[in-house]
Protein backbone atom coordinates (compact mmCIF):
# COMPACT_ATOMS: atom_id res chain seq x y z
CA MET A 1 -39.23 20.71 -13.16
CA LEU A 2 -37.49 19.04 -16.38
CA PHE A 3 -36.71 22.46 -17.35
CA LEU A 4 -34.70 23.04 -14.36
CA ALA A 5 -32.89 19.48 -14.52
CA LEU A 6 -31.80 20.34 -18.25
CA ASP A 7 -30.65 24.01 -17.16
CA ALA A 8 -28.58 22.01 -14.44
CA TYR A 9 -27.39 19.75 -16.31
CA PHE A 10 -26.09 22.27 -19.33
CA HIS A 11 -24.48 24.16 -16.39
CA MET A 12 -22.67 21.12 -15.06
CA VAL A 13 -21.26 20.44 -18.91
CA GLN A 14 -19.96 23.93 -19.34
CA LEU A 15 -18.40 24.11 -15.67
CA LEU A 16 -16.75 20.56 -16.76
CA GLU A 17 -15.50 22.16 -20.08
CA GLN A 18 -14.07 25.22 -18.41
CA VAL A 19 -12.13 23.10 -16.05
CA ASN A 20 -10.67 20.93 -18.66
CA ALA A 21 -9.63 23.61 -20.84
CA GLN A 22 -7.78 25.06 -17.89
CA VAL A 23 -6.48 21.56 -17.39
CA ALA A 24 -5.69 21.71 -21.11
CA GLU A 25 -3.55 24.76 -21.02
CA LEU A 26 -1.68 23.91 -17.74
CA PHE A 27 -0.75 20.55 -19.50
CA THR A 28 0.40 22.30 -22.58
CA ILE A 29 2.48 24.85 -20.57
CA ASP A 30 4.48 22.03 -18.49
CA VAL A 31 5.18 19.77 -21.69
CA MET A 32 6.18 22.97 -23.51
CA SER A 33 8.45 24.15 -20.46
CA LYS A 34 10.03 20.66 -20.33
CA ASN A 35 10.95 20.62 -23.81
CA GLU A 36 11.86 23.98 -24.55
CA ASN A 37 15.68 23.18 -24.55
CA THR A 38 15.18 20.33 -27.19
CA ASP A 39 14.36 20.38 -30.88
CA SER A 40 11.92 22.35 -32.77
CA SER A 41 8.88 19.91 -31.65
CA SER A 42 6.62 20.73 -28.88
CA GLY A 43 6.43 17.56 -27.46
CA LEU A 44 2.81 17.44 -27.19
CA GLU A 45 2.51 14.68 -29.76
CA ASP A 46 3.75 12.32 -27.90
CA ALA A 47 2.56 13.63 -24.33
CA ASP A 48 -0.36 11.39 -22.81
CA ASP A 49 -3.02 13.46 -21.62
CA SER A 50 -5.59 10.93 -21.49
CA ASN A 51 -6.04 10.66 -17.64
CA LEU A 52 -6.09 14.21 -17.05
CA TYR A 53 -9.56 15.40 -18.06
CA PHE A 54 -12.77 15.00 -15.54
CA SER A 55 -15.89 13.10 -17.18
CA PRO A 56 -18.71 11.85 -15.35
CA GLU A 57 -18.26 8.82 -17.60
CA HIS A 58 -14.47 8.32 -16.24
CA GLY A 59 -15.90 7.99 -12.85
CA ASN A 60 -13.89 11.00 -11.92
CA VAL A 61 -16.50 13.37 -11.12
CA VAL A 62 -18.32 13.81 -7.81
CA PHE A 63 -21.93 15.81 -7.80
CA ALA A 64 -22.52 16.95 -3.86
CA SER A 65 -24.41 19.27 -1.79
CA ALA A 66 -22.68 19.53 2.21
CA MET A 67 -25.82 21.69 2.82
CA ASP A 68 -28.52 19.41 1.62
CA GLY A 69 -26.52 16.42 2.42
CA TRP A 70 -26.52 14.52 -0.60
CA GLY A 71 -23.76 13.36 -3.25
CA PHE A 72 -23.44 10.90 -6.31
CA THR A 73 -20.91 10.07 -9.22
């Protein structure tokens, strides 16, 4: 049973990493497109992305199963 729990944990960690990578890419594209007509700086150094990423520690991730009727943060 412990093996299944660890496997599920690592799967969820990988999924969150993939989602956060996509969020970072979209954020980068957005910042760069807003700054393309300004100076040579991309603007990424000054952009605040601290509230964009999903993390259970920040309380912005919900684990749930509609089929089984459970959920938790």
